Amino acid sequence: GSHSPRASPRRPARAMGPKKKEAKEVEDPGKEAREYVNPTPMGQLKSMDEPMQKGYCPHEVEAAWDDWWAEEGYYKGSSDPNDKRPKFSICLPPPNVTGSLHIGHALTVAVQDLLSRWHRMRGFNTLWIPGTDHAGIATQVVVEKKLAREQQLSRHDLGREAFVGKIWEYKAEFHARITKQLRRLGCSLDWSREVFTMDAPRAASVNAAFVRFYDEGLIYRDVRLTNWCCALRSGISDIEVDYIDIEKRTRIAVPGHPKDKTYVFGVIWSFAYKLDGSEDEEVVVATTRPETMLGDTAVAVHPDDPRYKHLHGRHFVHPFNGRKLPLILDSTLVDMNFGTGAVKITPAHDPNDFAAGRRHGLPEITVFTDDGKMAENAGPFAGMMRFDARVEVMVSLKKLGLYRGESDNKMRLGKCSRTADIIEPMLKPQWWVNCTHMAKRAADAVRHGELRITPSEHEKTWYRWLDNIRDWCVSRQLWWGHRIPAYYLKLRGEPAGEVVAATREEALAKAMAKHGCAEAELELTQDEDVLDTWFSSGLFPLSTL
């Protein structure tokens, strides 16, 4: 059958003759704009004498206007108390100094610029404050990768002061790029009020907030299980953990481990602990993390489980270190209908085990180093990377005849949002914000109609977060950020607690008053940690407006 020319997938034969000139490809579309020289002197009104181009050339049309608007003060908000105009004030959500702005920034600043210009046109005293965010983890990770790539150095090779100096250099470069982009976009920002989340006024507001929250009992220091990123060698908050769902046995590459190796996740392994004083009697436990068994300090069963009634009060023997593991009775943790009804307890590396350990007064034994190796107390596995140890622990259990099988196991695996490292629950002294009361206030505000969330279907997300809030870990074992204003005391050479103060001088005065001693008797050491970026970012509207 025949096809209409429109439907035919074949091209008609081209008539012979001279070839049509091909359109010239533009290799660098931005070259012309970059090389354009603006004829209008900086800050002066643009001349309209030049003939208009046939096509639209944004770089020519937009040139000079932003400089003139800024020079004329059109962007400046008035602080005059006698200015009776209605006020409209917003702060630019500060972009991270980790690179260039992207299309998402262009979208949001266009909306903010529209609102600012519209309010000026309506006669409002309008202020739109520019600023950038130091972006603690994000910036430090970028600079660490840059150092490793270009100089094969780590931050620890440089030391704290030199490394932070490198970050300030990086910040200066990318801050200049970001502000240039904002100006090129024509953002009507009051540049006379530009801020940075680590400038002096912002630092003062962070310290003041920390001291106030500490004095009110909202901030406290405690040794608790932390989301630990071995690549960063730092704790991170719950919101910085990404989760992946693993349906079955899956091999995954892990940062910090050999690049040519992958490791098994999505499997549950079973092994036996032998009863102390018996060759034959044993209890079988199961785990998705065999390497953590090196930190086991007990085996738990349900108090009503008839299978283990005769073992109440007895101990089991750890095969690698000889540690005696008591059989504990815990109806909160153990479901006797699941598996063997016996659960290994690793208080230092699992949230549920940690809670059980605190209920029963169990030792908390950390078996990993900060960078993800097995610690010295890991016996024959000491010094191995943690997932290499996983493999070797199972090999050794098989050799000892204690292996009891394995099967696929659906699981959620936590990964660091910055480094993609597998999160390790670790017991660490950290600073925490008690979120219970403030989360309840925020949830109740929506429930009682004081706050409206649009669209309303997102209310359930609001409640899911706030009704299940956990305390916020705000300390980071990093070098770039606001250093925590806490000082540890030694009185006549002996540890004497801590004081929290905005400055070292205030800390010293508080310590002298607290202990009734002379300055010469005290030694103060400031906490090495820095605050989570969001501590300062959350204060940003208050510290700027």
Protein backbone atom coordinates (compact mmCIF):
# COMPACT_ATOMS: atom_id res chain seq x y z
CA GLY A 1 0.00 0.00 0.00
CA SER A 2 1.00 3.61 -0.40
CA HIS A 3 1.70 6.10 2.39
CA SER A 4 0.99 9.81 2.41
CA PRO A 5 4.16 11.93 2.29
CA ARG A 6 3.40 13.19 5.81
CA ALA A 7 3.32 9.66 7.23
CA SER A 8 6.30 8.32 5.31
CA PRO A 9 9.29 7.48 7.48
CA ARG A 10 11.59 7.86 4.49
CA ARG A 11 13.10 11.13 3.31
CA PRO A 12 12.67 12.07 -0.36
CA ALA A 13 15.86 11.98 -2.39
CA ARG A 14 17.65 15.36 -2.41
CA ALA A 15 17.98 17.02 -5.82
CA MET A 16 21.55 17.33 -7.02
CA GLY A 17 22.99 20.80 -6.86
CA PRO A 18 25.01 23.09 -4.64
CA LYS A 19 24.90 22.07 -0.94
CA LYS A 20 23.00 24.30 1.45
CA LYS A 21 25.33 26.04 3.89
CA GLU A 22 25.27 24.23 7.27
CA ALA A 23 24.34 26.33 10.35
CA LYS A 24 27.45 27.23 12.29
CA GLU A 25 27.68 25.45 15.64
CA VAL A 26 28.28 27.73 18.62
CA GLU A 27 31.03 26.04 20.65
CA ASP A 28 30.84 28.43 23.62
CA PRO A 29 27.44 30.15 23.90
CA GLY A 30 28.59 32.22 26.89
CA LYS A 31 31.75 33.60 25.24
CA GLU A 32 30.08 36.64 23.69
CA ALA A 33 28.41 37.61 26.98
CA ARG A 34 31.64 37.23 28.96
CA GLU A 35 33.63 39.32 26.51
CA TYR A 36 31.03 42.08 26.23
CA VAL A 37 32.33 45.45 27.45
CA ASN A 38 29.63 47.59 29.04
CA PRO A 39 30.06 51.16 27.68
CA THR A 40 28.14 52.77 30.57
CA PRO A 41 30.39 53.95 33.44
CA MET A 42 29.78 52.03 36.71
CA GLY A 43 26.74 53.31 38.60
CA GLN A 44 25.57 55.73 35.90
CA LEU A 45 22.25 55.73 34.09
CA LYS A 46 22.44 53.63 30.96
CA SER A 47 22.58 55.50 27.67
CA MET A 48 19.78 54.68 25.22
CA ASP A 49 21.61 56.23 22.26
CA GLU A 50 22.97 52.94 20.92
CA PRO A 51 20.91 51.40 18.09
CA MET A 52 18.85 48.40 19.18
CA GLN A 53 20.14 44.97 18.14
CA LYS A 54 18.04 42.93 15.70
CA GLY A 55 18.00 39.99 18.14
CA TYR A 56 17.60 39.95 21.92
CA CYS A 57 21.02 39.98 23.61
CA PRO A 58 20.44 39.67 27.39
CA HIS A 59 23.96 40.73 28.32
CA GLU A 60 23.58 44.03 26.42
CA VAL A 61 19.99 44.74 27.51
CA GLU A 62 20.65 43.99 31.20
CA ALA A 63 24.05 45.71 31.42
CA ALA A 64 24.37 48.73 33.74
CA TRP A 65 20.87 48.69 35.20
CA ASP A 66 21.65 46.82 38.43
CA ASP A 67 24.70 49.03 39.12
CA TRP A 68 22.60 52.18 38.64
CA TRP A 69 19.68 50.94 40.76
CA ALA A 70 22.11 50.06 43.57
CA GLU A 71 24.01 53.36 43.25
CA GLU A 72 20.78 55.35 43.47
CA GLY A 73 19.87 53.51 46.70
CA TYR A 74 16.69 51.99 45.33
CA TYR A 75 17.49 48.71 47.08
CA LYS A 76 18.15 50.17 50.52
CA GLY A 77 15.71 49.73 53.36
CA SER A 78 15.37 52.64 55.77
CA SER A 79 16.17 52.24 59.48
CA ASP A 80 14.87 55.73 60.29
CA PRO A 81 12.44 55.37 63.24
CA ASN A 82 10.49 58.33 61.84
CA ASP A 83 9.86 56.50 58.56
CA LYS A 84 6.14 55.72 58.87
CA ARG A 85 5.80 53.67 55.69
CA PRO A 86 4.55 50.08 56.16
CA LYS A 87 7.45 47.63 56.32
CA PHE A 88 8.20 44.55 54.21
CA SER A 89 11.35 42.65 55.24
CA ILE A 90 12.74 39.32 54.10
CA CYS A 91 16.16 37.70 54.15
CA LEU A 92 17.58 35.74 51.27
CA PRO A 93 17.74 32.07 52.30
CA PRO A 94 21.55 32.04 52.36
CA PRO A 95 23.07 29.90 49.60
CA ASN A 96 25.83 27.51 50.68
CA VAL A 97 29.34 28.67 49.79
CA THR A 98 30.03 25.32 48.14
CA GLY A 99 29.82 26.30 44.50
CA SER A 100 27.71 28.22 42.02
CA LEU A 101 24.01 28.98 42.08
CA HIS A 102 21.80 26.67 40.04
CA ILE A 103 18.39 26.90 38.38
CA GLY A 104 16.62 26.26 41.70
CA HIS A 105 18.22 29.38 43.18
CA ALA A 106 17.20 31.36 40.08
CA LEU A 107 13.58 30.27 40.59
CA THR A 108 13.40 31.18 44.28
CA VAL A 109 15.24 34.52 44.01
CA ALA A 110 12.96 35.50 41.10
CA VAL A 111 9.94 35.05 43.40
CA GLN A 112 11.61 36.98 46.24
CA ASP A 113 12.67 39.75 43.87
CA LEU A 114 9.14 40.01 42.50
CA LEU A 115 7.75 40.39 46.04
CA SER A 116 10.39 42.96 46.99
CA ARG A 117 9.92 45.13 43.89
CA TRP A 118 6.11 44.89 44.13
CA HIS A 119 6.15 46.11 47.74
CA ARG A 120 8.49 49.00 46.83
CA MET A 121 6.11 50.02 44.08
CA ARG A 122 3.26 49.97 46.62
CA GLY A 123 5.15 52.41 48.85
CA PHE A 124 6.48 49.98 51.46
CA ASN A 125 9.79 50.49 53.26
CA THR A 126 11.25 47.30 51.75
CA LEU A 127 14.32 45.41 52.90
CA TRP A 128 15.71 42.26 51.26
CA ILE A 129 18.91 41.17 53.00
CA PRO A 130 21.59 39.19 51.12
CA GLY A 131 23.76 36.58 52.80
CA THR A 132 25.62 33.31 52.39
CA ASP A 133 25.82 30.21 54.58
CA HIS A 134 29.10 28.64 55.75
CA ALA A 135 27.39 25.21 55.32
CA GLY A 136 29.60 23.35 57.81
CA ILE A 137 29.65 19.71 56.69
CA ALA A 138 28.95 20.46 53.02
CA THR A 139 31.80 22.95 52.69
CA GLN A 140 34.28 20.92 54.73
CA VAL A 141 33.58 17.80 52.64
CA VAL A 142 34.09 19.71 49.37
CA VAL A 143 37.41 21.18 50.54
CA GLU A 144 38.60 17.83 51.96
CA LYS A 145 37.89 16.15 48.60
CA LYS A 146 39.67 18.98 46.77
CA LEU A 147 42.73 18.61 49.02
CA ALA A 148 42.79 14.84 48.57
CA ARG A 149 42.41 15.13 44.79
CA GLU A 150 44.92 17.93 44.19
CA GLN A 151 47.51 17.42 46.94
CA GLN A 152 46.81 13.91 48.32
CA LEU A 153 46.40 15.44 51.79
CA SER A 154 43.80 15.04 54.53
CA ARG A 155 42.70 17.75 56.96
CA HIS A 156 44.63 15.89 59.67
CA ASP A 157 47.83 16.26 57.62
CA LEU A 158 47.35 20.05 57.59
CA GLY A 159 46.11 20.54 61.15
CA ARG A 160 43.08 22.56 62.24
CA GLU A 161 44.32 26.11 61.76
CA ALA A 162 45.82 25.55 58.29
CA PHE A 163 42.80 23.56 57.12
CA VAL A 164 40.34 26.21 58.25
CA GLY A 165 42.52 28.77 56.44
CA LYS A 166 42.07 26.72 53.23
CA ILE A 167 38.31 26.79 53.71
CA TRP A 168 38.31 30.59 54.12
CA GLU A 169 40.19 30.83 50.81
CA TYR A 170 37.61 28.58 49.17
CA LYS A 171 34.79 30.59 50.74
CA ALA A 172 36.18 33.87 49.37
CA GLU A 173 36.33 32.46 45.83
CA PHE A 174 32.84 31.02 45.74
CA HIS A 175 31.25 33.82 47.74
CA ALA A 176 32.45 36.24 45.04
CA ARG A 177 30.96 33.98 42.35
CA ILE A 178 27.61 33.72 44.14
CA THR A 179 27.25 37.47 44.72
CA LYS A 180 28.19 38.15 41.09
CA GLN A 181 25.48 35.75 39.95
CA LEU A 182 22.89 37.40 42.21
CA ARG A 183 23.81 40.83 40.81
CA ARG A 184 23.67 39.53 37.25
CA LEU A 185 20.18 38.21 37.97
CA GLY A 186 19.18 41.75 38.98
CA CYS A 187 18.21 40.80 42.54
CA SER A 188 17.16 43.97 44.36
CA LEU A 189 19.12 43.12 47.50
CA ASP A 190 20.38 45.74 49.96
CA TRP A 191 24.08 44.96 49.54
CA SER A 192 25.03 47.43 52.28
CA ARG A 193 23.62 44.89 54.77
CA GLU A 194 25.22 41.72 53.37
CA VAL A 195 25.85 39.03 56.00
CA PHE A 196 27.60 35.67 56.38
CA THR A 197 26.55 33.00 58.87
CA MET A 198 30.02 33.08 60.47
CA ASP A 199 30.49 36.86 60.62
CA ALA A 200 30.87 38.53 64.04
CA PRO A 201 27.20 39.52 64.65
CA ARG A 202 25.96 36.05 63.61
CA ALA A 203 28.60 34.38 65.82
CA ALA A 204 27.46 36.54 68.75
CA SER A 205 23.83 35.53 68.18
CA VAL A 206 24.78 31.83 68.01
CA ASN A 207 26.73 32.04 71.27
CA ALA A 208 23.95 34.00 72.97
CA ALA A 209 21.32 31.45 71.89
CA PHE A 210 23.47 28.50 72.99
CA VAL A 211 24.11 30.04 76.43
CA ARG A 212 20.43 30.89 76.88
CA PHE A 213 19.26 27.40 75.88
CA TYR A 214 21.87 25.83 78.17
CA ASP A 215 20.81 28.02 81.11
CA GLU A 216 17.18 27.05 80.48
CA GLY A 217 18.04 23.34 80.41
CA LEU A 218 17.19 22.93 76.71
CA ILE A 219 20.78 22.13 75.74
CA TYR A 220 22.69 19.42 77.58
CA ARG A 221 25.71 17.17 77.10
CA ASP A 222 25.37 13.41 77.34
CA VAL A 223 26.98 10.19 76.15
CA ARG A 224 24.33 8.71 73.90
CA LEU A 225 24.09 6.73 70.69
CA THR A 226 24.97 8.96 67.78
CA ASN A 227 24.58 8.59 64.02
CA TRP A 228 28.31 8.26 63.33
CA CYS A 229 29.82 8.83 59.88
CA CYS A 230 33.25 7.18 59.79
CA ALA A 231 34.21 9.08 56.61
CA LEU A 232 33.58 12.44 58.33
CA ARG A 233 34.69 11.13 61.74
CA SER A 234 31.70 13.02 63.10
CA GLY A 235 28.22 12.52 64.44
CA ILE A 236 25.32 13.77 62.33
CA SER A 237 21.65 14.48 63.03
CA ASP A 238 18.73 12.22 62.12
CA ILE A 239 17.78 14.47 59.20
CA GLU A 240 21.24 14.04 57.64
CA VAL A 241 20.77 10.27 57.36
CA ASP A 242 19.35 8.90 54.08
CA TYR A 243 17.81 5.45 54.07
CA ILE A 244 17.84 2.84 51.34
CA ASP A 245 15.56 -0.20 51.35
CA ILE A 246 17.27 -3.52 50.73
CA GLU A 247 14.93 -6.34 49.75
CA LYS A 248 17.39 -9.24 49.73
CA ARG A 249 21.09 -10.14 49.77
CA THR A 250 22.88 -7.20 48.13
CA ARG A 251 26.55 -6.33 47.67
CA ILE A 252 27.49 -2.69 48.29
CA ALA A 253 30.76 -0.73 48.07
CA VAL A 254 31.54 1.19 51.27
CA PRO A 255 33.59 4.44 51.51
CA GLY A 256 36.93 3.98 53.30
CA HIS A 257 37.11 0.31 52.29
CA PRO A 258 39.06 -1.10 49.34
CA LYS A 259 37.56 0.27 46.12
CA ASP A 260 37.61 -3.14 44.42
CA LYS A 261 35.55 -4.83 47.18
CA THR A 262 31.84 -4.98 47.95
CA TYR A 263 30.14 -6.21 51.11
CA VAL A 264 26.97 -8.15 51.80
CA PHE A 265 23.90 -6.45 53.28
CA GLY A 266 20.33 -7.69 53.50
CA VAL A 267 21.28 -10.96 55.24
CA ILE A 268 20.64 -12.18 58.77
CA TRP A 269 23.26 -14.59 60.17
CA SER A 270 22.71 -17.01 63.06
CA PHE A 271 25.38 -18.27 65.44
CA ALA A 272 25.58 -19.92 68.86
CA TYR A 273 26.87 -18.83 72.24
CA LYS A 274 27.86 -21.79 74.44
CA LEU A 275 26.61 -21.96 78.02
CA ASP A 276 29.35 -21.36 80.58
CA GLY A 277 30.36 -24.70 82.07
CA SER A 278 28.68 -26.79 79.40
CA GLU A 279 30.01 -28.40 76.23
CA ASP A 280 26.62 -29.00 74.65
CA GLU A 281 24.08 -26.42 75.78
CA GLU A 282 23.88 -23.25 73.72
CA VAL A 283 21.67 -20.38 72.71
CA VAL A 284 21.30 -19.32 69.08
CA VAL A 285 21.11 -15.59 68.25
CA ALA A 286 20.80 -13.79 64.92
CA THR A 287 22.22 -10.51 63.60
CA THR A 288 22.46 -8.45 60.41
CA ARG A 289 25.77 -7.02 61.70
CA PRO A 290 28.04 -9.89 62.80
CA GLU A 291 30.97 -7.53 63.46
CA THR A 292 29.07 -5.99 66.39
CA MET A 293 29.07 -9.31 68.29
CA LEU A 294 32.54 -8.35 69.47
CA GLY A 295 30.80 -5.75 71.65
CA ASP A 296 28.09 -8.08 72.98
CA THR A 297 27.67 -7.91 76.76
CA ALA A 298 24.56 -10.07 77.32
CA VAL A 299 21.92 -12.34 75.80
CA ALA A 300 18.27 -11.40 76.39
CA VAL A 301 15.18 -13.62 76.52
CA HIS A 302 11.57 -13.03 77.50
CA PRO A 303 11.01 -13.83 81.20
CA ASP A 304 7.99 -16.05 80.32
CA ASP A 305 9.72 -18.07 77.60
CA PRO A 306 9.63 -21.71 78.82
CA ARG A 307 12.58 -22.68 76.62
CA TYR A 308 15.01 -20.71 78.78
CA LYS A 309 13.51 -20.95 82.29
CA HIS A 310 16.22 -23.38 83.36
CA LEU A 311 18.94 -20.93 82.22
CA HIS A 312 17.83 -17.94 84.29
CA GLY A 313 20.83 -16.59 86.17
CA ARG A 314 23.34 -18.40 83.95
CA HIS A 315 26.06 -16.98 81.65
CA PHE A 316 27.30 -17.69 78.14
CA VAL A 317 30.91 -17.47 76.96
CA HIS A 318 32.07 -15.16 74.18
CA PRO A 319 34.13 -17.27 71.74
CA PHE A 320 36.72 -14.60 70.87
CA ASN A 321 37.45 -12.83 74.16
CA GLY A 322 36.10 -15.18 76.86
CA ARG A 323 33.74 -12.47 78.17
CA LYS A 324 30.93 -13.90 80.34
CA LEU A 325 27.56 -12.82 78.93
CA PRO A 326 24.70 -12.92 81.45
CA LEU A 327 21.25 -14.11 80.39
CA ILE A 328 18.97 -11.13 81.08
CA LEU A 329 15.16 -11.12 81.16
CA ASP A 330 13.57 -8.32 79.13
CA SER A 331 9.94 -8.32 78.02
CA THR A 332 10.31 -4.88 76.36
CA LEU A 333 13.00 -5.90 73.88
CA VAL A 334 12.30 -9.59 73.25
CA ASP A 335 9.46 -11.08 71.23
CA MET A 336 9.60 -14.78 72.17
CA ASN A 337 7.65 -15.70 69.02
CA PHE A 338 10.36 -14.31 66.74
CA GLY A 339 13.25 -16.60 65.78
CA THR A 340 14.81 -18.45 68.70
CA GLY A 341 13.46 -15.92 71.20
CA ALA A 342 17.04 -15.03 72.21
CA VAL A 343 18.63 -11.67 71.35
CA LYS A 344 22.30 -10.65 71.44
CA ILE A 345 22.81 -7.32 73.24
CA THR A 346 25.36 -4.76 71.98
CA PRO A 347 24.62 -1.63 74.05
CA ALA A 348 27.29 0.54 72.38
CA HIS A 349 26.13 -0.04 68.77
CA ASP A 350 22.35 -0.46 68.62
CA PRO A 351 19.56 1.86 69.85
CA ASN A 352 17.31 -0.92 71.22
CA ASP A 353 20.26 -2.70 72.83
CA PHE A 354 21.45 0.61 74.29
CA ALA A 355 18.07 1.12 76.00
CA ALA A 356 18.09 -2.48 77.26
CA GLY A 357 21.64 -2.07 78.49
CA ARG A 358 20.70 1.03 80.48
CA ARG A 359 17.73 -0.83 82.00
CA HIS A 360 19.98 -3.69 83.15
CA GLY A 361 23.20 -1.80 83.92
CA LEU A 362 25.24 -3.57 81.24
CA PRO A 363 28.75 -2.51 80.16
CA GLU A 364 28.85 -0.40 76.97
CA ILE A 365 31.79 -1.61 74.88
CA THR A 366 32.68 0.33 71.73
CA VAL A 367 34.46 -1.90 69.22
CA PHE A 368 35.00 0.59 66.35
CA THR A 369 37.46 3.45 66.00
CA ASP A 370 36.27 6.85 64.78
CA ASP A 371 37.38 6.07 61.21
CA GLY A 372 35.60 2.70 61.05
CA LYS A 373 38.35 0.23 61.95
CA MET A 374 37.98 -2.43 64.59
CA ALA A 375 39.32 -1.19 67.92
CA GLU A 376 42.10 -2.80 69.98
CA ASN A 377 39.52 -4.64 72.10
CA ALA A 378 38.37 -6.57 68.99
CA GLY A 379 41.00 -9.26 69.56
CA PRO A 380 42.13 -11.01 66.37
CA PHE A 381 40.05 -8.58 64.28
CA ALA A 382 41.67 -5.39 65.65
CA GLY A 383 42.76 -2.96 62.93
CA MET A 384 40.52 -4.43 60.20
CA MET A 385 37.99 -2.19 58.46
CA ARG A 386 34.61 -2.95 60.02
CA PHE A 387 33.07 -4.71 57.01
CA ASP A 388 36.21 -6.74 56.36
CA ALA A 389 35.82 -7.82 59.99
CA ARG A 390 32.21 -8.81 59.22
CA VAL A 391 33.53 -11.34 56.71
CA GLU A 392 36.28 -12.62 59.00
CA VAL A 393 34.00 -12.97 62.04
CA MET A 394 31.72 -15.28 60.06
CA VAL A 395 34.71 -17.27 58.76
CA SER A 396 35.96 -17.70 62.34
CA LEU A 397 32.54 -18.67 63.69
CA LYS A 398 32.33 -21.38 61.03
CA LYS A 399 35.79 -22.68 61.98
CA LEU A 400 34.70 -22.85 65.64
CA GLY A 401 31.54 -24.75 64.68
CA LEU A 402 29.29 -21.96 65.97
CA TYR A 403 27.72 -20.91 62.65
CA ARG A 404 24.01 -21.82 62.48
CA GLY A 405 22.86 -20.51 59.09
CA GLU A 406 21.83 -17.40 57.21
CA SER A 407 18.93 -16.07 55.14
CA ASP A 408 17.93 -13.01 53.14
CA ASN A 409 16.56 -10.24 55.34
CA LYS A 410 14.68 -7.14 54.20
CA MET A 411 16.20 -4.08 55.88
CA ARG A 412 16.63 -0.30 55.81
CA LEU A 413 20.23 0.86 55.64
CA GLY A 414 21.19 4.33 56.87
CA LYS A 415 23.74 6.27 54.82
CA CYS A 416 25.35 9.67 55.40
CA SER A 417 23.74 12.21 53.07
CA ARG A 418 27.14 13.91 52.54
CA THR A 419 29.54 10.99 52.07
CA ALA A 420 27.29 7.96 51.37
CA ASP A 421 29.13 6.12 54.16
CA ILE A 422 27.15 3.48 56.09
CA ILE A 423 26.02 5.05 59.36
CA GLU A 424 27.35 3.35 62.48
CA PRO A 425 25.49 3.88 65.78
CA MET A 426 28.28 4.90 68.19
CA LEU A 427 28.32 5.99 71.82
CA LYS A 428 29.77 9.50 71.91
CA PRO A 429 29.64 12.49 74.23
CA GLN A 430 27.61 15.04 72.28
CA TRP A 431 25.59 18.20 72.81
CA TRP A 432 21.83 17.78 72.42
CA VAL A 433 18.80 20.06 72.16
CA ASN A 434 15.72 18.83 74.02
CA CYS A 435 13.06 19.13 71.31
CA THR A 436 10.07 17.63 73.15
CA HIS A 437 8.37 20.84 74.32
CA MET A 438 9.06 22.95 71.21
CA ALA A 439 7.91 20.11 68.91
CA LYS A 440 4.66 19.78 70.88
CA ARG A 441 4.06 23.54 70.63
CA ALA A 442 4.58 23.44 66.86
CA ALA A 443 2.28 20.42 66.39
CA ASP A 444 -0.41 21.91 68.66
CA ALA A 445 -0.29 25.19 66.74
CA VAL A 446 -1.50 23.37 63.61
CA ARG A 447 -4.00 21.23 65.52
CA HIS A 448 -5.56 24.33 67.12
CA GLY A 449 -5.59 26.40 63.93
CA GLU A 450 -2.97 28.96 64.99
CA LEU A 451 -0.76 27.85 62.10
CA ARG A 452 -2.06 26.77 58.71
CA ILE A 453 -0.17 24.41 56.41
CA THR A 454 -1.03 24.64 52.73
CA PRO A 455 -1.90 22.27 51.13
CA SER A 456 -3.49 20.63 54.15
CA GLU A 457 -2.52 17.07 53.15
CA HIS A 458 1.02 17.92 54.31
CA GLU A 459 -0.22 18.23 57.88
CA LYS A 460 0.33 14.48 58.32
CA THR A 461 4.02 14.96 57.44
CA TRP A 462 4.20 17.76 60.02
CA TYR A 463 2.69 15.53 62.70
CA ARG A 464 4.78 12.50 61.75
CA TRP A 465 7.99 14.50 62.29
CA LEU A 466 6.97 16.42 65.38
CA ASP A 467 4.97 13.80 67.26
CA ASN A 468 7.93 11.38 66.99
CA ILE A 469 10.69 13.92 67.61
CA ARG A 470 13.99 12.86 69.13
CA ASP A 471 16.49 15.19 70.73
CA TRP A 472 18.68 16.99 68.21
CA CYS A 473 22.41 16.26 68.21
CA VAL A 474 23.95 19.70 67.51
CA SER A 475 27.66 18.98 67.99
CA ARG A 476 29.86 18.02 65.06
CA GLN A 477 33.40 16.65 65.23
CA LEU A 478 34.41 19.02 62.43
CA TRP A 479 36.66 22.07 62.16
CA TRP A 480 34.60 24.44 60.01
CA GLY A 481 31.75 26.15 61.84
CA HIS A 482 30.77 27.90 65.05
CA ARG A 483 32.85 26.43 67.84
CA ILE A 484 30.74 25.37 70.82
CA PRO A 485 30.97 28.00 73.62
CA ALA A 486 31.57 25.45 76.37
CA TYR A 487 34.72 25.34 78.51
CA TYR A 488 35.97 22.35 80.50
CA LEU A 489 37.55 23.23 83.81
CA LYS A 490 40.48 21.98 85.79
CA LEU A 491 40.71 23.24 89.34
CA ARG A 492 44.19 22.83 90.78
CA GLY A 493 44.83 20.20 88.08
CA GLU A 494 41.66 18.17 88.73
CA PRO A 495 38.63 18.03 86.37
CA ALA A 496 35.90 20.37 87.69
CA GLY A 497 33.01 20.20 85.23
CA GLU A 498 32.13 22.73 82.55
CA VAL A 499 30.86 26.26 82.12
CA VAL A 500 29.01 27.65 79.11
CA ALA A 501 29.63 31.29 78.22
CA ALA A 502 29.72 33.55 75.17
CA THR A 503 33.41 34.41 75.63
CA ARG A 504 36.45 32.98 77.38
CA GLU A 505 36.48 35.96 79.78
CA GLU A 506 32.86 35.33 80.77
CA ALA A 507 33.61 31.62 81.18
CA LEU A 508 36.50 32.40 83.50
CA ALA A 509 34.36 34.76 85.60
CA LYS A 510 31.60 32.12 85.86
CA ALA A 511 34.11 29.43 86.84
CA MET A 512 35.69 31.59 89.54
CA ALA A 513 32.26 32.42 90.96
CA LYS A 514 31.15 28.77 90.78
CA HIS A 515 34.20 27.42 92.63
CA GLY A 516 35.10 30.45 94.72
CA CYS A 517 38.71 30.34 93.58
CA ALA A 518 41.39 32.53 92.05
CA GLU A 519 42.10 32.72 88.31
CA ALA A 520 45.53 31.14 88.79
CA GLU A 521 43.92 27.96 90.16
CA LEU A 522 41.83 27.39 87.02
CA GLU A 523 42.59 25.96 83.61
CA LEU A 524 39.99 26.35 80.83
CA THR A 525 39.83 24.32 77.61
CA GLN A 526 37.19 25.14 75.00
CA ASP A 527 35.20 22.29 73.45
CA GLU A 528 36.79 21.23 70.15
CA ASP A 529 33.47 20.55 68.40
CA VAL A 530 31.49 22.91 66.18
CA LEU A 531 27.73 23.34 65.91
CA ASP A 532 25.49 21.82 63.28
CA THR A 533 25.05 24.31 60.41
CA TRP A 534 21.32 24.43 61.07
CA PHE A 535 21.87 25.88 64.54
CA SER A 536 23.05 29.14 62.95
CA SER A 537 20.83 28.82 59.86
CA GLY A 538 17.78 28.42 62.07
CA LEU A 539 18.65 31.68 63.83
CA PHE A 540 19.33 33.50 60.53
CA PRO A 541 16.03 35.43 60.24
CA LEU A 542 16.34 36.51 63.88
CA SER A 543 20.02 37.48 63.64
CA THR A 544 19.53 39.46 60.41
CA LEU A 545 16.09 41.06 60.64
